[in-house]
Amino acid sequence: MADDRERYEREKPSWAEIDKRRDRGRSTRSEHPSGEQARQLAGQQKHNAVRAAEALFAGEGGGAEDATLAKAVRDAHGTPELAQACRDYVATLGVPTRLDLLSVFLDARDRECVLSALEKLGELAAAGGLEVSAGLRSQLRVLSQEPDDDIAGLAEDLLE
């Protein structure tokens, strides 16, 4: 019986040990991946950084004019002026290649703007440069239900 009591006393940590454990914090092994997982994460971060830098310095090729027209499109999003802002952008710089602007073009409710955006998304998908987000996927689902067969067909193709 004395042996059981001694073993119980030894297994029980002191309050000082408990406080030290709290101050140390938890293991962060899962926060810092290693091996293949770390290489993949580093590659993805590098890819994202390069794309962000290219977008900053290259733009759509219009420089300040691109920034002005893109801002006009974003500002008109959700208003009746969106279709005109999209048409102005296309007339000046052509159909954008940035997904954020193409997503706004899909909301334009103008047949030509929506078709041009869907066609550009198709080109990006064929080239392998299209990462379909959940928001874009839901926009495409809505467009696949459109009564316009051209719009619905292109949207369905992109969903596949």
C-alpha atoms as a PDB file:
ATOM      1  CA  MET A   1       0.000   0.000   0.000  1.00  0.00           C
ATOM      2  CA  ALA A   2       2.875   2.333   0.692  1.00  0.00           C
ATOM      3  CA  ASP A   3       4.205   1.648  -2.837  1.00  0.00           C
ATOM      4  CA  ASP A   4       0.903   2.736  -4.403  1.00  0.00           C
ATOM      5  CA  ARG A   5       0.929   5.917  -2.376  1.00  0.00           C
ATOM      6  CA  GLU A   6       4.500   6.794  -3.404  1.00  0.00           C
ATOM      7  CA  ARG A   7       3.739   6.153  -7.099  1.00  0.00           C
ATOM      8  CA  TYR A   8       0.637   8.367  -6.920  1.00  0.00           C
ATOM      9  CA  GLU A   9       2.641  11.153  -5.307  1.00  0.00           C
ATOM     10  CA  ARG A  10       5.354  10.950  -7.969  1.00  0.00           C
ATOM     11  CA  GLU A  11       2.921  11.105 -10.941  1.00  0.00           C
ATOM     12  CA  LYS A  12       1.148  14.185  -9.662  1.00  0.00           C
ATOM     13  CA  PRO A  13       2.845  17.391 -10.957  1.00  0.00           C
ATOM     14  CA  SER A  14       3.571  20.236  -8.571  1.00  0.00           C
ATOM     15  CA  TRP A  15       1.941  23.644  -9.006  1.00  0.00           C
ATOM     16  CA  ALA A  16       5.301  25.027 -10.141  1.00  0.00           C
ATOM     17  CA  GLU A  17       5.471  22.430 -12.924  1.00  0.00           C
ATOM     18  CA  ILE A  18       1.915  23.228 -13.965  1.00  0.00           C
ATOM     19  CA  ASP A  19       2.747  26.964 -14.159  1.00  0.00           C
ATOM     20  CA  LYS A  20       5.876  26.257 -16.231  1.00  0.00           C
ATOM     21  CA  ARG A  21       3.846  24.235 -18.697  1.00  0.00           C
ATOM     22  CA  ARG A  22       1.380  27.079 -19.084  1.00  0.00           C
ATOM     23  CA  ASP A  23       4.154  29.617 -19.673  1.00  0.00           C
ATOM     24  CA  ARG A  24       5.885  27.428 -22.241  1.00  0.00           C
ATOM     25  CA  GLY A  25       2.875  27.246 -24.501  1.00  0.00           C
ATOM     26  CA  ARG A  26       1.836  24.400 -26.695  1.00  0.00           C
ATOM     27  CA  SER A  27       3.838  22.627 -29.329  1.00  0.00           C
ATOM     28  CA  THR A  28       3.755  24.377 -32.700  1.00  0.00           C
ATOM     29  CA  ARG A  29       4.744  21.371 -34.762  1.00  0.00           C
ATOM     30  CA  SER A  30       1.544  21.496 -36.865  1.00  0.00           C
ATOM     31  CA  GLU A  31       2.006  25.211 -37.562  1.00  0.00           C
ATOM     32  CA  HIS A  32       5.383  24.641 -39.211  1.00  0.00           C
ATOM     33  CA  PRO A  33       5.127  21.979 -41.872  1.00  0.00           C
ATOM     34  CA  SER A  34       8.240  20.106 -42.880  1.00  0.00           C
ATOM     35  CA  GLY A  35       9.402  18.011 -45.787  1.00  0.00           C
ATOM     36  CA  GLU A  36       7.264  17.821 -48.910  1.00  0.00           C
ATOM     37  CA  GLN A  37       4.439  19.821 -47.356  1.00  0.00           C
ATOM     38  CA  ALA A  38       6.810  22.721 -46.609  1.00  0.00           C
ATOM     39  CA  ARG A  39       8.183  22.705 -50.169  1.00  0.00           C
ATOM     40  CA  GLN A  40       4.668  22.774 -51.611  1.00  0.00           C
ATOM     41  CA  LEU A  41       3.649  25.616 -49.310  1.00  0.00           C
ATOM     42  CA  ALA A  42       6.774  27.601 -50.178  1.00  0.00           C
ATOM     43  CA  GLY A  43       6.162  27.036 -53.897  1.00  0.00           C
ATOM     44  CA  GLN A  44       2.556  28.202 -53.604  1.00  0.00           C
ATOM     45  CA  GLN A  45       3.568  31.300 -51.633  1.00  0.00           C
ATOM     46  CA  LYS A  46       6.233  32.129 -54.222  1.00  0.00           C
ATOM     47  CA  HIS A  47       3.714  31.677 -57.054  1.00  0.00           C
ATOM     48  CA  ASN A  48       1.216  33.983 -55.311  1.00  0.00           C
ATOM     49  CA  ALA A  49       3.897  36.616 -54.645  1.00  0.00           C
ATOM     50  CA  VAL A  50       5.047  36.593 -58.271  1.00  0.00           C
ATOM     51  CA  ARG A  51       1.453  36.949 -59.516  1.00  0.00           C
ATOM     52  CA  ALA A  52       0.836  39.834 -57.106  1.00  0.00           C
ATOM     53  CA  ALA A  53       4.032  41.590 -58.210  1.00  0.00           C
ATOM     54  CA  GLU A  54       3.180  41.129 -61.883  1.00  0.00           C
ATOM     55  CA  ALA A  55      -0.282  42.557 -61.294  1.00  0.00           C
ATOM     56  CA  LEU A  56       1.170  45.555 -59.479  1.00  0.00           C
ATOM     57  CA  PHE A  57       3.781  46.442 -62.057  1.00  0.00           C
ATOM     58  CA  ALA A  58       2.228  45.214 -65.291  1.00  0.00           C
ATOM     59  CA  GLY A  59      -1.457  45.996 -64.849  1.00  0.00           C
ATOM     60  CA  GLU A  60      -3.631  45.191 -67.821  1.00  0.00           C
ATOM     61  CA  GLY A  61      -1.295  47.091 -70.066  1.00  0.00           C
ATOM     62  CA  GLY A  62      -3.038  50.420 -69.700  1.00  0.00           C
ATOM     63  CA  GLY A  63      -1.186  51.806 -66.687  1.00  0.00           C
ATOM     64  CA  ALA A  64      -3.026  54.745 -65.177  1.00  0.00           C
ATOM     65  CA  GLU A  65      -5.831  54.480 -67.702  1.00  0.00           C
ATOM     66  CA  ASP A  66      -6.372  50.851 -66.706  1.00  0.00           C
ATOM     67  CA  ALA A  67      -6.490  51.810 -63.037  1.00  0.00           C
ATOM     68  CA  THR A  68      -9.008  54.578 -63.744  1.00  0.00           C
ATOM     69  CA  LEU A  69     -11.314  52.411 -65.862  1.00  0.00           C
ATOM     70  CA  ALA A  70     -11.063  49.448 -63.461  1.00  0.00           C
ATOM     71  CA  LYS A  71     -11.993  51.746 -60.581  1.00  0.00           C
ATOM     72  CA  ALA A  72     -14.964  53.042 -62.578  1.00  0.00           C
ATOM     73  CA  VAL A  73     -16.127  49.450 -63.188  1.00  0.00           C
ATOM     74  CA  ARG A  74     -15.777  48.538 -59.509  1.00  0.00           C
ATOM     75  CA  ASP A  75     -17.522  51.730 -58.394  1.00  0.00           C
ATOM     76  CA  ALA A  76     -20.423  51.063 -60.779  1.00  0.00           C
ATOM     77  CA  HIS A  77     -20.846  47.488 -59.505  1.00  0.00           C
ATOM     78  CA  GLY A  78     -24.416  47.083 -58.295  1.00  0.00           C
ATOM     79  CA  THR A  79     -25.687  50.162 -60.109  1.00  0.00           C
ATOM     80  CA  PRO A  80     -27.429  50.620 -63.471  1.00  0.00           C
ATOM     81  CA  GLU A  81     -24.229  52.264 -64.807  1.00  0.00           C
ATOM     82  CA  LEU A  82     -22.234  49.008 -64.594  1.00  0.00           C
ATOM     83  CA  ALA A  83     -22.947  47.919 -68.175  1.00  0.00           C
ATOM     84  CA  GLN A  84     -21.769  51.263 -69.561  1.00  0.00           C
ATOM     85  CA  ALA A  85     -18.617  51.203 -67.415  1.00  0.00           C
ATOM     86  CA  CYS A  86     -17.849  47.698 -68.700  1.00  0.00           C
ATOM     87  CA  ARG A  87     -18.430  48.755 -72.307  1.00  0.00           C
ATOM     88  CA  ASP A  88     -16.098  51.747 -71.805  1.00  0.00           C
ATOM     89  CA  TYR A  89     -13.407  49.469 -70.396  1.00  0.00           C
ATOM     90  CA  VAL A  90     -13.691  47.036 -73.310  1.00  0.00           C
ATOM     91  CA  ALA A  91     -13.726  49.840 -75.896  1.00  0.00           C
ATOM     92  CA  THR A  92     -10.541  51.350 -74.469  1.00  0.00           C
ATOM     93  CA  LEU A  93      -8.474  48.376 -73.260  1.00  0.00           C
ATOM     94  CA  GLY A  94     -10.268  45.258 -74.429  1.00  0.00           C
ATOM     95  CA  VAL A  95     -11.645  42.491 -72.254  1.00  0.00           C
ATOM     96  CA  PRO A  96      -9.787  42.315 -68.934  1.00  0.00           C
ATOM     97  CA  THR A  97      -7.810  39.252 -67.919  1.00  0.00           C
ATOM     98  CA  ARG A  98      -7.985  39.831 -64.169  1.00  0.00           C
ATOM     99  CA  LEU A  99     -10.503  37.569 -62.438  1.00  0.00           C
ATOM    100  CA  ASP A 100     -11.759  40.309 -60.122  1.00  0.00           C
ATOM    101  CA  LEU A 101     -12.829  42.460 -63.079  1.00  0.00           C
ATOM    102  CA  LEU A 102     -14.191  39.520 -65.047  1.00  0.00           C
ATOM    103  CA  SER A 103     -16.341  38.632 -62.062  1.00  0.00           C
ATOM    104  CA  VAL A 104     -17.794  42.149 -62.062  1.00  0.00           C
ATOM    105  CA  PHE A 105     -18.378  41.912 -65.826  1.00  0.00           C
ATOM    106  CA  LEU A 106     -20.496  38.789 -65.198  1.00  0.00           C
ATOM    107  CA  ASP A 107     -22.832  40.929 -63.071  1.00  0.00           C
ATOM    108  CA  ALA A 108     -23.294  43.577 -65.787  1.00  0.00           C
ATOM    109  CA  ARG A 109     -26.632  42.201 -67.111  1.00  0.00           C
ATOM    110  CA  ASP A 110     -25.469  43.254 -70.562  1.00  0.00           C
ATOM    111  CA  ARG A 111     -25.329  40.373 -73.037  1.00  0.00           C
ATOM    112  CA  GLU A 112     -22.147  41.520 -74.793  1.00  0.00           C
ATOM    113  CA  CYS A 113     -20.273  42.233 -71.546  1.00  0.00           C
ATOM    114  CA  VAL A 114     -21.244  38.890 -70.032  1.00  0.00           C
ATOM    115  CA  LEU A 115     -20.412  36.954 -73.209  1.00  0.00           C
ATOM    116  CA  SER A 116     -17.021  38.643 -73.548  1.00  0.00           C
ATOM    117  CA  ALA A 117     -16.210  37.869 -69.903  1.00  0.00           C
ATOM    118  CA  LEU A 118     -17.277  34.225 -70.296  1.00  0.00           C
ATOM    119  CA  GLU A 119     -15.209  33.858 -73.460  1.00  0.00           C
ATOM    120  CA  LYS A 120     -12.149  35.334 -71.709  1.00  0.00           C
ATOM    121  CA  LEU A 121     -12.695  32.959 -68.774  1.00  0.00           C
ATOM    122  CA  GLY A 122     -12.824  30.103 -71.288  1.00  0.00           C
ATOM    123  CA  GLU A 123      -9.496  31.220 -72.767  1.00  0.00           C
ATOM    124  CA  LEU A 124      -7.942  31.404 -69.302  1.00  0.00           C
ATOM    125  CA  ALA A 125      -9.278  27.946 -68.474  1.00  0.00           C
ATOM    126  CA  ALA A 126      -7.859  26.509 -71.698  1.00  0.00           C
ATOM    127  CA  ALA A 127      -4.475  28.061 -70.928  1.00  0.00           C
ATOM    128  CA  GLY A 128      -4.578  26.654 -67.406  1.00  0.00           C
ATOM    129  CA  GLY A 129      -4.620  30.071 -65.743  1.00  0.00           C
ATOM    130  CA  LEU A 130      -8.072  29.890 -64.209  1.00  0.00           C
ATOM    131  CA  GLU A 131      -8.542  29.220 -60.512  1.00  0.00           C
ATOM    132  CA  VAL A 132     -12.294  29.054 -59.967  1.00  0.00           C
ATOM    133  CA  SER A 133     -13.216  30.432 -56.554  1.00  0.00           C
ATOM    134  CA  ALA A 134     -16.436  29.626 -54.746  1.00  0.00           C
ATOM    135  CA  GLY A 135     -17.843  33.043 -55.656  1.00  0.00           C
ATOM    136  CA  LEU A 136     -17.053  32.658 -59.339  1.00  0.00           C
ATOM    137  CA  ARG A 137     -18.495  29.138 -59.299  1.00  0.00           C
ATOM    138  CA  SER A 138     -21.778  30.433 -57.868  1.00  0.00           C
ATOM    139  CA  GLN A 139     -21.907  33.195 -60.505  1.00  0.00           C
ATOM    140  CA  LEU A 140     -21.409  30.585 -63.222  1.00  0.00           C
ATOM    141  CA  ARG A 141     -24.175  28.417 -61.762  1.00  0.00           C
ATOM    142  CA  VAL A 142     -26.580  31.351 -61.883  1.00  0.00           C
ATOM    143  CA  LEU A 143     -25.548  32.190 -65.437  1.00  0.00           C
ATOM    144  CA  SER A 144     -25.993  28.559 -66.506  1.00  0.00           C
ATOM    145  CA  GLN A 145     -29.713  29.019 -65.745  1.00  0.00           C
ATOM    146  CA  GLU A 146     -30.055  32.072 -68.031  1.00  0.00           C
ATOM    147  CA  PRO A 147     -32.639  31.917 -70.812  1.00  0.00           C
ATOM    148  CA  ASP A 148     -29.945  33.055 -73.279  1.00  0.00           C
ATOM    149  CA  ASP A 149     -28.537  29.795 -74.651  1.00  0.00           C
ATOM    150  CA  ASP A 150     -25.139  31.293 -75.521  1.00  0.00           C
ATOM    151  CA  ILE A 151     -24.563  32.562 -71.972  1.00  0.00           C
ATOM    152  CA  ALA A 152     -25.927  29.391 -70.375  1.00  0.00           C
ATOM    153  CA  GLY A 153     -23.814  27.152 -72.598  1.00  0.00           C
ATOM    154  CA  LEU A 154     -20.566  28.993 -71.933  1.00  0.00           C
ATOM    155  CA  ALA A 155     -21.242  29.048 -68.205  1.00  0.00           C
ATOM    156  CA  GLU A 156     -21.980  25.303 -68.183  1.00  0.00           C
ATOM    157  CA  ASP A 157     -18.764  24.608 -70.098  1.00  0.00           C
ATOM    158  CA  LEU A 158     -16.764  26.555 -67.526  1.00  0.00           C
ATOM    159  CA  LEU A 159     -18.400  24.694 -64.656  1.00  0.00           C
ATOM    160  CA  GLU A 160     -17.223  21.398 -66.130  1.00  0.00           C
END
